[in-house]
N, C-alpha and C. Protein backbone atom coordinates (compact mmCIF):
# COMPACT_ATOMS: atom_id res chain seq x y z
N MET A 1 -5.62 -4.55 -18.13
CA MET A 1 -4.55 -5.68 -17.72
C MET A 1 -3.85 -5.48 -16.65
N PRO A 2 -3.14 -6.55 -15.92
CA PRO A 2 -2.46 -6.28 -14.09
C PRO A 2 -1.47 -5.84 -14.35
N LYS A 3 -1.61 -4.71 -12.98
CA LYS A 3 -0.26 -3.85 -12.81
C LYS A 3 0.35 -4.59 -11.70
N LEU A 4 1.74 -4.19 -11.66
CA LEU A 4 2.28 -3.97 -10.55
C LEU A 4 3.36 -2.80 -10.45
N THR A 5 2.67 -2.29 -9.07
CA THR A 5 3.87 -1.24 -8.86
C THR A 5 4.98 -1.42 -8.01
N VAL A 6 6.28 -1.46 -8.01
CA VAL A 6 7.17 -1.95 -6.10
C VAL A 6 7.67 -0.34 -5.71
N TYR A 7 7.74 -0.26 -4.94
CA TYR A 7 7.90 0.48 -4.28
C TYR A 7 8.67 0.38 -2.98
N PHE A 8 9.78 1.05 -2.66
CA PHE A 8 10.99 1.43 -1.64
C PHE A 8 10.89 1.87 -0.71
N ARG A 9 10.34 2.16 0.68
CA ARG A 9 10.80 3.25 0.93
C ARG A 9 9.75 4.66 0.66
N ASP A 10 8.50 4.04 0.22
CA ASP A 10 7.79 5.23 -0.74
C ASP A 10 7.55 5.35 -2.02
N LYS A 11 8.82 5.27 -2.23
CA LYS A 11 9.90 5.72 -3.43
C LYS A 11 9.21 4.40 -4.86
N GLU A 12 8.40 5.05 -5.84
CA GLU A 12 8.69 3.45 -6.83
C GLU A 12 10.35 3.41 -7.48
N ILE A 13 10.12 1.96 -7.61
CA ILE A 13 11.00 1.59 -8.43
C ILE A 13 10.65 0.84 -10.04
N GLY A 14 9.88 0.34 -10.02
CA GLY A 14 10.04 -0.59 -10.86
C GLY A 14 8.04 -0.24 -11.22
N SER A 15 7.53 0.24 -12.42
CA SER A 15 5.83 -0.71 -12.52
C SER A 15 5.99 -1.66 -13.99
N PHE A 16 4.82 -2.55 -14.25
CA PHE A 16 4.95 -4.13 -14.28
C PHE A 16 3.50 -3.95 -15.29
N ILE A 17 3.55 -4.43 -16.21
CA ILE A 17 2.21 -4.89 -17.27
C ILE A 17 2.49 -6.35 -17.39
N PHE A 18 1.23 -7.73 -17.02
CA PHE A 18 1.43 -8.66 -17.14
C PHE A 18 0.05 -8.84 -17.60
N ASN A 19 -0.01 -9.83 -19.44
CA ASN A 19 -0.76 -10.51 -19.76
C ASN A 19 -1.24 -11.75 -18.08
N GLU A 20 -2.39 -12.94 -18.37
CA GLU A 20 -2.05 -13.69 -18.18
C GLU A 20 -1.02 -14.67 -18.47
N GLY A 21 -0.52 -15.26 -16.87
CA GLY A 21 0.15 -16.21 -16.52
C GLY A 21 1.10 -16.72 -14.86
N LYS A 22 1.41 -16.75 -15.25
CA LYS A 22 2.79 -16.71 -13.31
C LYS A 22 3.62 -15.37 -13.54
N VAL A 23 3.47 -14.58 -13.17
CA VAL A 23 4.63 -13.62 -12.32
C VAL A 23 5.46 -14.25 -11.14
N ARG A 24 6.74 -13.97 -11.47
CA ARG A 24 7.48 -14.77 -9.72
C ARG A 24 8.88 -12.90 -9.63
N LEU A 25 7.65 -13.27 -8.14
CA LEU A 25 8.52 -11.85 -8.02
C LEU A 25 10.22 -12.82 -6.57
N GLY A 26 11.34 -12.11 -6.89
CA GLY A 26 12.34 -13.05 -6.14
C GLY A 26 13.17 -11.63 -6.14
N ARG A 27 14.92 -12.06 -5.33
CA ARG A 27 16.16 -11.78 -6.14
C ARG A 27 16.72 -11.98 -6.80
N ASP A 28 16.21 -12.51 -7.34
CA ASP A 28 16.98 -14.14 -8.25
C ASP A 28 16.91 -12.98 -9.38
N GLU A 29 17.72 -13.12 -11.07
CA GLU A 29 17.40 -12.33 -12.05
C GLU A 29 16.64 -13.51 -13.30
N THR A 30 16.10 -14.46 -12.12
CA THR A 30 14.93 -15.55 -14.00
C THR A 30 13.65 -15.19 -13.56
N ASN A 31 13.42 -14.33 -12.14
CA ASN A 31 12.35 -14.44 -11.80
C ASN A 31 11.69 -12.84 -12.75
N GLU A 32 10.57 -12.69 -13.35
CA GLU A 32 10.16 -11.38 -14.11
C GLU A 32 9.66 -10.33 -13.28
N ILE A 33 9.97 -10.08 -11.84
CA ILE A 33 10.05 -8.99 -11.56
C ILE A 33 11.49 -8.83 -10.23
N LEU A 34 12.25 -8.19 -10.59
CA LEU A 34 13.42 -8.75 -9.78
C LEU A 34 13.77 -7.61 -8.69
N ILE A 35 13.52 -7.85 -7.75
CA ILE A 35 13.44 -7.00 -6.41
C ILE A 35 15.34 -7.43 -5.55
N ASP A 36 16.09 -6.06 -5.74
CA ASP A 36 17.65 -6.63 -4.93
C ASP A 36 17.19 -6.64 -3.88
N SER A 37 17.43 -7.09 -2.88
CA SER A 37 17.54 -7.22 -1.38
C SER A 37 17.46 -8.83 -0.70
N LEU A 38 18.22 -8.61 0.24
CA LEU A 38 18.69 -9.63 1.02
C LEU A 38 17.04 -10.49 2.27
N ALA A 39 16.57 -9.04 2.22
CA ALA A 39 15.38 -9.63 3.15
C ALA A 39 14.31 -10.30 1.78
N ILE A 40 14.49 -10.69 0.56
CA ILE A 40 13.40 -11.43 -0.30
C ILE A 40 14.39 -12.54 -0.29
N ALA A 41 13.62 -13.50 -1.12
CA ALA A 41 14.39 -15.10 -1.03
C ALA A 41 14.87 -14.55 -2.62
N PRO A 42 15.09 -15.56 -2.82
CA PRO A 42 15.40 -16.29 -4.59
C PRO A 42 14.29 -15.41 -5.20
N VAL A 43 13.54 -17.24 -4.59
CA VAL A 43 11.77 -16.53 -5.71
C VAL A 43 11.88 -16.41 -4.45
N HIS A 44 10.16 -15.62 -4.07
CA HIS A 44 10.50 -15.49 -3.05
C HIS A 44 8.36 -15.37 -3.14
N ALA A 45 7.75 -15.16 -4.38
CA ALA A 45 6.41 -15.13 -4.76
C ALA A 45 6.36 -15.63 -5.85
N VAL A 46 4.61 -16.00 -6.19
CA VAL A 46 4.93 -16.30 -7.65
C VAL A 46 2.58 -15.52 -7.39
N ILE A 47 2.45 -14.93 -8.11
CA ILE A 47 1.03 -14.61 -9.12
C ILE A 47 1.23 -15.11 -10.20
N THR A 48 -0.37 -15.61 -9.83
CA THR A 48 -0.93 -16.66 -11.50
C THR A 48 -1.92 -15.60 -12.05
N LEU A 49 -2.08 -15.64 -12.70
CA LEU A 49 -2.93 -14.69 -13.41
C LEU A 49 -4.21 -15.29 -14.07
N HIS A 50 -5.39 -16.09 -14.32
CA HIS A 50 -5.92 -16.59 -14.70
C HIS A 50 -7.34 -16.25 -14.97
N ASN A 51 -8.24 -16.35 -15.90
CA ASN A 51 -9.60 -15.91 -16.38
C ASN A 51 -10.06 -14.32 -15.94
N GLY A 52 -8.44 -13.29 -15.77
CA GLY A 52 -9.29 -12.41 -14.77
C GLY A 52 -8.78 -12.27 -13.78
N VAL A 53 -8.45 -13.74 -12.34
CA VAL A 53 -8.66 -13.50 -11.33
C VAL A 53 -7.19 -13.53 -10.97
N ALA A 54 -5.82 -13.22 -9.84
CA ALA A 54 -4.84 -12.70 -9.66
C ALA A 54 -5.04 -13.29 -8.53
N THR A 55 -4.03 -14.21 -8.29
CA THR A 55 -3.37 -14.98 -6.83
C THR A 55 -2.10 -14.92 -6.83
N ILE A 56 -1.66 -14.41 -4.82
CA ILE A 56 -0.69 -14.61 -5.17
C ILE A 56 -0.02 -16.43 -4.51
N ARG A 57 1.13 -16.53 -4.20
CA ARG A 57 1.25 -17.13 -3.03
C ARG A 57 2.92 -17.65 -2.70
N ALA A 58 3.01 -17.02 -1.33
CA ALA A 58 4.09 -17.00 -1.43
C ALA A 58 4.64 -18.80 -1.13
N LEU A 59 6.38 -18.09 -1.82
CA LEU A 59 6.97 -19.88 -1.84
C LEU A 59 8.34 -20.79 -0.39
N GLN A 60 8.46 -19.75 0.62
CA GLN A 60 8.93 -19.89 1.02
C GLN A 60 8.42 -19.47 2.54
N ASP A 61 8.49 -20.69 3.57
CA ASP A 61 7.93 -20.30 4.75
C ASP A 61 8.62 -19.00 6.00
N GLU A 62 9.83 -18.82 4.82
CA GLU A 62 10.82 -18.17 5.89
C GLU A 62 10.94 -16.71 5.47
N PHE A 63 9.75 -17.01 4.28
CA PHE A 63 10.39 -15.37 3.77
C PHE A 63 8.41 -15.02 3.44
N PRO A 64 7.70 -14.33 4.76
CA PRO A 64 6.39 -14.89 4.26
C PRO A 64 6.23 -13.28 3.07
N ILE A 65 4.35 -13.10 3.15
CA ILE A 65 4.15 -11.84 2.43
C ILE A 65 3.04 -11.29 3.35
N ILE A 66 2.95 -10.38 2.84
CA ILE A 66 1.76 -9.44 3.77
C ILE A 66 1.08 -8.45 2.78
N VAL A 67 -0.42 -8.93 2.61
CA VAL A 67 -1.84 -8.52 1.79
C VAL A 67 -2.29 -7.67 2.91
N ASN A 68 -2.60 -6.16 2.53
CA ASN A 68 -3.08 -5.16 3.53
C ASN A 68 -3.02 -5.75 5.09
N GLY A 69 -1.85 -5.88 5.22
CA GLY A 69 -1.23 -5.62 6.53
C GLY A 69 -1.20 -6.72 7.36
N GLY A 70 -1.76 -7.94 6.01
CA GLY A 70 -2.12 -9.16 6.82
C GLY A 70 -1.26 -10.48 6.47
N LYS A 71 -0.58 -11.37 7.20
CA LYS A 71 0.12 -12.53 6.79
C LYS A 71 -0.57 -12.76 5.91
N THR A 72 0.28 -14.28 5.20
CA THR A 72 -0.49 -14.31 4.28
C THR A 72 0.36 -16.13 3.75
N LYS A 73 -0.09 -16.77 3.49
CA LYS A 73 0.54 -17.93 2.36
C LYS A 73 0.36 -17.51 1.45
N GLU A 74 -1.16 -17.11 1.14
CA GLU A 74 -1.80 -17.14 0.16
C GLU A 74 -3.50 -16.02 -0.25
N ALA A 75 -3.32 -15.63 -1.01
CA ALA A 75 -4.04 -14.93 -1.28
C ALA A 75 -4.84 -14.34 -2.58
N VAL A 76 -5.86 -14.06 -2.91
CA VAL A 76 -6.82 -13.30 -4.01
C VAL A 76 -6.40 -11.96 -3.95
N LEU A 77 -5.58 -11.19 -5.29
CA LEU A 77 -5.56 -9.90 -4.82
C LEU A 77 -7.21 -9.14 -5.54
N ASN A 78 -7.94 -8.22 -4.95
CA ASN A 78 -8.55 -7.30 -5.77
C ASN A 78 -7.57 -5.92 -6.06
N GLU A 79 -8.37 -4.68 -6.86
CA GLU A 79 -8.63 -3.66 -7.01
C GLU A 79 -7.13 -2.55 -6.04
N ASN A 80 -6.12 -2.04 -5.57
CA ASN A 80 -5.24 -1.79 -4.82
C ASN A 80 -4.98 -2.50 -4.18
N ASP A 81 -4.58 -3.62 -4.24
CA ASP A 81 -4.15 -4.46 -2.70
C ASP A 81 -3.10 -4.45 -2.39
N MET A 82 -2.37 -3.89 -1.43
CA MET A 82 -1.21 -3.85 -1.21
C MET A 82 -0.38 -4.79 -0.33
N ILE A 83 0.55 -5.28 -1.31
CA ILE A 83 1.48 -6.99 -0.89
C ILE A 83 2.71 -5.68 0.20
N ALA A 84 3.50 -6.05 0.71
CA ALA A 84 4.58 -6.12 1.43
C ALA A 84 5.77 -7.26 1.56
N LEU A 85 6.59 -7.34 0.85
CA LEU A 85 7.48 -8.44 1.10
C LEU A 85 9.57 -7.51 1.46
N GLY A 86 9.96 -8.39 2.21
CA GLY A 86 10.55 -7.47 3.09
C GLY A 86 9.99 -6.20 2.94
N LYS A 87 10.91 -5.18 2.91
CA LYS A 87 11.16 -3.08 3.22
C LYS A 87 10.43 -3.12 1.94
N HIS A 88 10.31 -4.42 0.28
CA HIS A 88 9.40 -3.43 -0.51
C HIS A 88 8.26 -3.70 -0.18
N HIS A 89 7.03 -3.18 -1.31
CA HIS A 89 5.75 -3.04 -1.61
C HIS A 89 5.15 -2.84 -2.18
N VAL A 90 4.06 -4.04 -3.46
CA VAL A 90 3.37 -3.85 -3.86
C VAL A 90 2.33 -3.93 -4.47
N LEU A 91 2.53 -2.21 -4.88
CA LEU A 91 0.99 -2.23 -5.67
C LEU A 91 0.01 -2.87 -6.77
N PHE A 92 -1.19 -4.15 -6.51
CA PHE A 92 -1.89 -4.61 -7.54
C PHE A 92 -3.27 -3.36 -7.78
N ASN A 93 -3.33 -2.82 -9.42
CA ASN A 93 -4.11 -2.34 -9.96
C ASN A 93 -3.99 -2.81 -11.18
N HIS A 94 -5.67 -2.16 -12.16
CA HIS A 94 -5.34 -2.96 -13.92
C HIS A 94 -5.10 -1.39 -14.47
N SER A 95 -4.15 -1.97 -15.79
CA SER A 95 -4.33 -0.58 -16.54
C SER A 95 -4.66 -0.74 -18.19
N SER A 96 -5.19 -0.05 -18.52
CA SER A 96 -5.20 -0.86 -19.56
C SER A 96 -4.54 0.11 -20.33
N SER A 97 -3.26 0.57 -20.25
CA SER A 97 -2.14 1.24 -20.66
C SER A 97 -1.15 1.01 -20.36
N VAL A 98 0.24 1.04 -21.16
CA VAL A 98 1.63 0.16 -20.38
C VAL A 98 2.31 2.45 -19.97
N ASP A 99 1.84 3.51 -20.64
CA ASP A 99 2.00 4.02 -19.57
C ASP A 99 2.40 4.79 -18.41
N GLY A 100 3.54 5.36 -18.47
CA GLY A 100 3.58 5.41 -17.10
C GLY A 100 2.85 5.66 -16.13
N PRO A 101 3.87 6.00 -14.52
CA PRO A 101 2.39 6.44 -13.87
C PRO A 101 2.26 7.90 -13.75
N LYS A 102 1.17 8.40 -13.35
CA LYS A 102 0.95 10.31 -14.17
C LYS A 102 0.67 10.39 -12.31
N PRO A 103 1.37 11.70 -12.23
CA PRO A 103 1.58 12.29 -11.02
C PRO A 103 0.06 12.66 -10.41
N PHE A 104 -0.08 13.09 -9.51
CA PHE A 104 -1.92 13.61 -9.02
C PHE A 104 -2.40 14.70 -9.23
N ASP A 105 -1.56 15.14 -9.51
CA ASP A 105 -1.11 16.67 -10.11
C ASP A 105 -2.07 17.44 -11.49
N GLU A 106 -1.75 16.49 -12.45
CA GLU A 106 -2.09 15.66 -13.77
C GLU A 106 -3.39 16.48 -13.97
N SER A 107 -3.45 17.44 -15.08
CA SER A 107 -5.11 17.26 -15.69
C SER A 107 -5.44 16.94 -15.49
N ILE A 108 -7.23 16.07 -15.15
CA ILE A 108 -7.65 15.24 -16.01
C ILE A 108 -9.08 15.58 -16.78
N ALA A 109 -8.93 15.21 -18.18
CA ALA A 109 -10.29 15.65 -18.54
C ALA A 109 -11.45 15.56 -18.30
N ASN A 110 -12.13 15.91 -18.54
CA ASN A 110 -13.80 16.36 -17.52
C ASN A 110 -15.20 15.33 -18.37
N ASP A 111 -14.69 14.84 -19.31
CA ASP A 111 -15.62 13.98 -20.27
C ASP A 111 -15.12 13.49 -21.45
N PRO A 112 -14.37 12.01 -21.09
CA PRO A 112 -15.03 11.35 -19.70
C PRO A 112 -14.07 11.71 -18.56
N PRO A 113 -14.25 11.05 -17.36
CA PRO A 113 -13.05 11.40 -16.04
C PRO A 113 -12.08 10.50 -17.18
N ALA A 114 -10.99 10.14 -16.60
CA ALA A 114 -9.60 9.68 -17.01
C ALA A 114 -10.14 9.62 -15.16
N PRO A 115 -9.40 7.39 -15.46
CA PRO A 115 -9.26 7.32 -14.21
C PRO A 115 -7.23 8.01 -13.82
N LEU A 116 -7.22 7.45 -13.24
CA LEU A 116 -4.95 7.75 -12.53
C LEU A 116 -4.96 6.31 -12.37
N LEU A 117 -4.04 6.69 -12.96
CA LEU A 117 -2.75 5.07 -12.30
C LEU A 117 -3.47 4.19 -11.14
N PHE A 118 -3.68 4.99 -10.00
CA PHE A 118 -3.60 4.45 -8.53
C PHE A 118 -4.68 4.53 -7.99
N GLY A 119 -5.88 5.06 -9.07
CA GLY A 119 -7.40 5.03 -9.19
C GLY A 119 -7.34 5.93 -7.92
N VAL A 120 -7.18 6.87 -7.98
CA VAL A 120 -7.22 8.27 -6.65
C VAL A 120 -8.14 9.42 -8.25
N GLU A 121 -9.61 9.73 -7.69
CA GLU A 121 -10.24 10.68 -8.51
C GLU A 121 -9.33 11.49 -8.61
N PRO A 122 -9.83 12.80 -9.06
CA PRO A 122 -8.98 14.78 -8.95
C PRO A 122 -10.50 14.61 -8.34
N GLU A 123 -11.57 14.31 -7.69
CA GLU A 123 -12.60 14.79 -6.08
C GLU A 123 -12.18 14.48 -4.59
N LEU A 124 -11.15 13.69 -5.18
CA LEU A 124 -11.26 13.46 -3.67
C LEU A 124 -10.23 14.93 -3.03
N PRO A 125 -10.60 14.99 -1.86
CA PRO A 125 -10.19 15.71 -0.70
C PRO A 125 -9.15 15.04 -0.17
N ASN A 126 -7.79 16.10 0.17
CA ASN A 126 -6.15 16.01 0.52
C ASN A 126 -6.86 15.69 1.83
N GLY A 127 -5.84 14.36 2.39
CA GLY A 127 -6.15 14.22 3.45
C GLY A 127 -4.72 14.62 4.70
N ASN A 128 -5.13 14.32 5.42
CA ASN A 128 -3.86 15.54 6.90
C ASN A 128 -4.22 14.55 7.69
N PHE A 129 -3.04 14.79 8.37
CA PHE A 129 -2.88 13.83 9.92
C PHE A 129 -2.72 15.51 11.05
N GLN A 130 -3.05 15.64 11.77
CA GLN A 130 -2.08 16.86 12.93
C GLN A 130 -2.02 16.82 14.66
N ILE A 131 -0.75 16.08 14.71
CA ILE A 131 -0.58 15.52 15.93
C ILE A 131 -0.74 16.05 16.90
N MET A 132 -1.61 15.72 18.00
CA MET A 132 -2.08 16.28 19.51
C MET A 132 -1.73 16.08 20.11
N ASP A 133 -0.64 15.58 20.92
CA ASP A 133 0.26 15.45 22.33
C ASP A 133 1.88 15.57 21.48
N GLY A 134 2.76 16.01 22.60
CA GLY A 134 3.94 15.36 22.62
C GLY A 134 4.18 17.29 21.86
N GLU A 135 5.68 17.25 21.58
CA GLU A 135 6.42 18.53 21.47
C GLU A 135 6.42 18.92 20.05
N ASN A 136 5.33 18.39 18.80
CA ASN A 136 5.36 18.48 17.59
C ASN A 136 3.71 18.91 17.46
N ILE A 137 2.74 18.94 18.78
CA ILE A 137 1.24 19.10 19.06
C ILE A 137 1.53 20.12 17.81
N GLY A 138 0.38 20.25 17.22
CA GLY A 138 -0.61 20.85 15.67
C GLY A 138 0.37 20.53 14.22
N LYS A 139 1.03 19.55 14.62
CA LYS A 139 2.12 19.65 13.13
C LYS A 139 1.46 18.75 12.40
N ILE A 140 1.72 19.50 10.65
CA ILE A 140 0.44 18.39 10.49
C ILE A 140 0.79 17.82 9.26
N ILE A 141 0.67 16.86 9.11
CA ILE A 141 1.27 15.62 8.44
C ILE A 141 0.90 15.16 6.61
N PRO A 142 0.83 16.10 6.51
CA PRO A 142 -0.02 15.91 4.54
C PRO A 142 0.41 14.92 4.00
N ILE A 143 -1.14 13.92 3.85
CA ILE A 143 -0.67 12.97 3.15
C ILE A 143 -0.36 13.29 0.91
N LYS A 144 0.42 13.13 0.73
CA LYS A 144 1.20 13.82 -0.26
C LYS A 144 0.62 12.44 -1.32
N LYS A 145 1.36 11.16 -0.93
CA LYS A 145 1.66 9.81 -1.40
C LYS A 145 0.57 9.14 -1.64
N THR A 146 1.03 8.02 -2.98
CA THR A 146 -0.28 6.89 -2.42
C THR A 146 -0.01 6.19 -0.77
N MET A 147 0.88 6.20 -0.58
CA MET A 147 1.00 4.67 0.40
C MET A 147 2.25 5.74 1.41
N VAL A 148 1.67 5.86 2.58
CA VAL A 148 2.45 6.54 3.95
C VAL A 148 2.83 5.80 5.27
N GLN A 149 4.16 5.58 5.59
CA GLN A 149 4.09 4.77 6.35
C GLN A 149 4.21 5.79 7.91
N LEU A 150 3.89 5.30 8.76
CA LEU A 150 3.99 5.87 10.54
C LEU A 150 4.20 4.96 12.09
N GLY A 151 4.90 5.56 12.04
CA GLY A 151 5.92 4.94 13.07
C GLY A 151 7.45 4.59 13.32
N ARG A 152 7.51 3.62 13.77
CA ARG A 152 9.14 3.38 14.65
C ARG A 152 8.97 1.52 14.63
N PRO A 153 9.75 1.40 13.80
CA PRO A 153 10.14 0.01 13.96
C PRO A 153 10.89 -0.50 15.11
N GLY A 154 9.72 -2.18 15.18
CA GLY A 154 10.56 -2.42 16.28
C GLY A 154 9.34 -1.89 17.25
N GLN A 155 8.01 -0.77 16.89
CA GLN A 155 7.33 -0.16 18.55
C GLN A 155 6.13 -0.70 17.56
N GLY A 156 6.09 -0.83 15.95
CA GLY A 156 4.63 -1.72 15.57
C GLY A 156 4.33 0.98 13.99
N ILE A 157 4.00 0.04 13.23
CA ILE A 157 3.94 0.78 12.44
C ILE A 157 2.88 0.46 11.36
N VAL A 158 2.41 1.60 10.60
CA VAL A 158 1.00 2.03 10.17
C VAL A 158 1.24 2.24 8.41
N ILE A 159 0.57 2.03 8.31
CA ILE A 159 0.64 2.28 6.18
C ILE A 159 -0.79 2.45 5.71
N VAL A 160 -0.81 4.14 5.55
CA VAL A 160 -1.90 4.62 5.06
C VAL A 160 -2.12 5.04 3.45
N THR A 161 -3.30 3.97 3.08
CA THR A 161 -3.45 3.87 1.54
C THR A 161 -3.82 5.12 1.00
N ARG A 162 -3.65 5.63 -0.24
CA ARG A 162 -5.15 6.70 -0.45
C ARG A 162 -5.28 5.60 -1.69
N LYS A 163 -7.03 6.27 -1.72
CA LYS A 163 -7.09 4.42 -3.10
C LYS A 163 -8.49 6.58 -3.93
N LYS A 164 -9.33 5.17 -4.56
CA LYS A 164 -10.57 6.04 -5.44
C LYS A 164 -11.07 6.50 -4.11
N GLU A 165 -11.83 5.75 -3.56
CA GLU A 165 -12.54 5.65 -1.72
C GLU A 165 -12.69 6.37 -1.55
N GLY A 166 -10.80 6.75 -0.60
CA GLY A 166 -10.84 7.41 0.60
C GLY A 166 -9.47 6.62 1.19
N TYR A 167 -8.63 6.96 2.17
CA TYR A 167 -7.80 6.40 2.76
C TYR A 167 -7.84 5.91 3.36
N PHE A 168 -7.17 5.15 3.52
CA PHE A 168 -7.44 3.54 4.71
C PHE A 168 -5.96 3.38 5.31
N VAL A 169 -6.34 2.61 6.55
CA VAL A 169 -4.79 2.72 7.67
C VAL A 169 -5.16 0.88 7.84
N SER A 170 -3.97 0.25 7.69
CA SER A 170 -3.36 -0.53 7.92
C SER A 170 -2.50 -1.12 8.55
N THR A 171 -2.19 -2.21 9.26
CA THR A 171 -0.94 -2.57 10.04
C THR A 171 0.43 -3.27 9.19
N LEU A 172 1.58 -2.30 9.17
CA LEU A 172 2.89 -2.96 8.68
C LEU A 172 3.27 -4.03 9.44
N GLU A 173 3.74 -3.44 10.69
CA GLU A 173 4.42 -3.70 12.04
C GLU A 173 3.26 -4.25 12.80
N ASN A 174 2.89 -5.11 12.94
CA ASN A 174 1.33 -5.34 14.23
C ASN A 174 2.34 -5.07 15.96
N LYS A 175 2.91 -3.94 16.00
CA LYS A 175 3.34 -4.43 17.71
C LYS A 175 3.03 -2.71 18.65
N GLY A 176 2.83 -3.19 19.92
CA GLY A 176 2.22 -1.83 20.33
C GLY A 176 0.89 -1.71 20.70
N SER A 177 0.91 -0.48 20.29
CA SER A 177 -0.61 -0.09 20.57
C SER A 177 -1.44 0.74 19.08
N LEU A 178 -1.56 -0.12 18.76
CA LEU A 178 -2.36 0.44 16.68
C LEU A 178 -3.50 0.92 16.77
N THR A 179 -3.97 1.73 17.40
CA THR A 179 -5.57 2.13 17.02
C THR A 179 -6.23 3.09 16.05
N VAL A 180 -7.68 3.10 15.97
CA VAL A 180 -8.13 3.68 15.34
C VAL A 180 -9.67 4.03 16.27
N ASN A 181 -9.72 5.70 16.70
CA ASN A 181 -11.15 6.05 17.50
C ASN A 181 -10.63 4.84 19.39
N GLY A 182 -9.85 4.15 19.40
CA GLY A 182 -9.52 3.53 20.63
C GLY A 182 -9.78 1.50 20.10
N GLU A 183 -10.12 1.72 19.64
CA GLU A 183 -10.51 -0.07 18.74
C GLU A 183 -9.24 -0.04 17.97
N PRO A 184 -8.73 -1.17 18.66
CA PRO A 184 -7.19 -2.00 17.77
C PRO A 184 -7.46 -2.91 15.51
N ILE A 185 -6.21 -2.02 15.41
CA ILE A 185 -5.92 -1.78 13.47
C ILE A 185 -6.33 -3.63 14.06
N ALA A 186 -5.34 -3.71 14.08
CA ALA A 186 -4.84 -5.47 14.98
C ALA A 186 -4.41 -6.84 12.92
N ASN A 187 -5.56 -7.42 12.16
CA ASN A 187 -5.51 -7.40 10.75
C ASN A 187 -6.32 -6.18 9.79
N ARG A 188 -6.56 -5.75 10.26
CA ARG A 188 -8.14 -4.64 9.48
C ARG A 188 -7.83 -3.52 8.48
N ILE A 189 -8.56 -3.97 7.76
CA ILE A 189 -8.48 -2.46 7.19
C ILE A 189 -9.18 -1.10 6.90
N VAL A 190 -9.00 -0.55 7.93
CA VAL A 190 -9.98 0.84 8.54
C VAL A 190 -9.65 1.78 7.99
N LYS A 191 -11.45 2.37 7.22
CA LYS A 191 -11.69 3.32 5.92
C LYS A 191 -11.56 4.84 7.53
N LEU A 192 -10.70 5.80 6.52
CA LEU A 192 -11.16 6.66 7.89
C LEU A 192 -11.56 7.99 7.35
N SER A 193 -12.04 8.22 8.36
CA SER A 193 -13.00 9.15 8.02
C SER A 193 -12.94 10.41 9.04
N ASN A 194 -13.37 11.65 8.46
CA ASN A 194 -12.79 12.96 9.47
C ASN A 194 -13.26 13.02 10.82
N ASN A 195 -11.82 13.16 11.13
CA ASN A 195 -11.50 13.83 12.53
C ASN A 195 -11.47 12.49 13.30
N ASP A 196 -11.36 11.12 12.93
CA ASP A 196 -11.00 9.84 13.09
C ASP A 196 -9.19 10.00 13.83
N ILE A 197 -9.12 9.01 14.73
CA ILE A 197 -7.75 9.72 15.60
C ILE A 197 -7.32 8.41 15.98
N LEU A 198 -6.39 8.66 15.43
CA LEU A 198 -4.57 7.38 15.15
C LEU A 198 -3.91 7.69 16.02
N GLY A 199 -4.33 6.20 16.49
CA GLY A 199 -3.44 6.52 17.98
C GLY A 199 -1.94 5.12 17.15
N ILE A 200 -0.76 5.91 17.60
CA ILE A 200 0.81 4.29 17.63
C ILE A 200 1.07 4.73 18.61
N ASN A 201 0.94 3.66 19.68
CA ASN A 201 1.13 3.91 20.90
C ASN A 201 0.70 4.78 22.09
N ASP A 202 2.26 6.26 22.34
CA ASP A 202 1.77 6.95 23.02
C ASP A 202 1.27 8.16 22.03
N LYS A 203 1.58 8.64 20.51
CA LYS A 203 0.89 9.26 19.99
C LYS A 203 -0.91 9.16 19.52
N SER A 204 -0.83 10.68 18.89
CA SER A 204 -2.09 10.48 19.06
C SER A 204 -2.29 11.14 17.44
N LEU A 205 -2.75 10.89 16.65
CA LEU A 205 -2.65 12.34 14.97
C LEU A 205 -4.43 12.12 15.05
N GLN A 206 -5.06 13.29 14.55
CA GLN A 206 -6.84 13.60 14.43
C GLN A 206 -6.17 13.92 12.96
N PHE A 207 -7.36 12.68 12.24
CA PHE A 207 -7.95 12.55 10.55
C PHE A 207 -7.86 13.31 10.28
N PHE A 208 -7.82 14.53 9.31
CA PHE A 208 -8.86 15.62 8.59
C PHE A 208 -8.81 15.95 6.64
N LEU A 209 -9.47 16.29 6.55
CA LEU A 209 -9.43 16.28 4.77
C LEU A 209 -9.56 17.92 4.89
N SER A 210 -8.92 17.76 3.51
CA SER A 210 -8.84 19.54 3.03
C SER A 210 -9.62 19.70 1.74
C-alpha cells in the first residue's frame, strides 16, 4: 500500500498509509494529511491513487510542488520520490505493513531479507562527505538520515537522499553553483559514486563510502 511520510527540517513528523482514492495535503483540518504551516495552502495538493498508480497535482499556482528537486504542476510518483511542499518534505513509497518506521540500525532477518521502510538495504555502505577547502577542510559529514540538506537558504540548497540503490543528490533551491564533478545538477537526480565531488558555490565536498 502507498505510504506517505512527512518531514520537517529532516525530522519525521508523521507517516500515513492509504488505499486507492484521493489524498489531499494542506494546512486546513479537512485534509487527509494536515501540514500546519503558512507556507502551505489550505488545500495545497492532491495525490490520486488508482490501479496502483499515484499521481500528485498542485492545486494552487502560488503554492508549487517540487518532486525530486524539479518544480511541477503534476507528476506520476515512483518509489522513494521526495516531494517538497514549502519547508516540509513528503517521502512516497510502498509498505505492506502499518507498523511505524524502523531505524536503520535495526537487525534484519537474513532469510528472507526484510526491506527497510525507506528502502535502504542492510548491505548499503555508509555514505560520507569530506570538506575539501575552507576553514573546515578535512571535516567529515556522515549521512545518517534518509534525507540530508546541504547549503544555505538564498544561496542554493541540495538534498542528498539515501535509497536502496545508493545515494542521490538533487536541488531543493536551485541557486548559485550546484554541481557534481563540475556538471550542474539543475533539475537532474544524480547518483553519487565513490570520490565524486559535490560543489556548493565556493565549497567542495568529496563523497565516499565507508
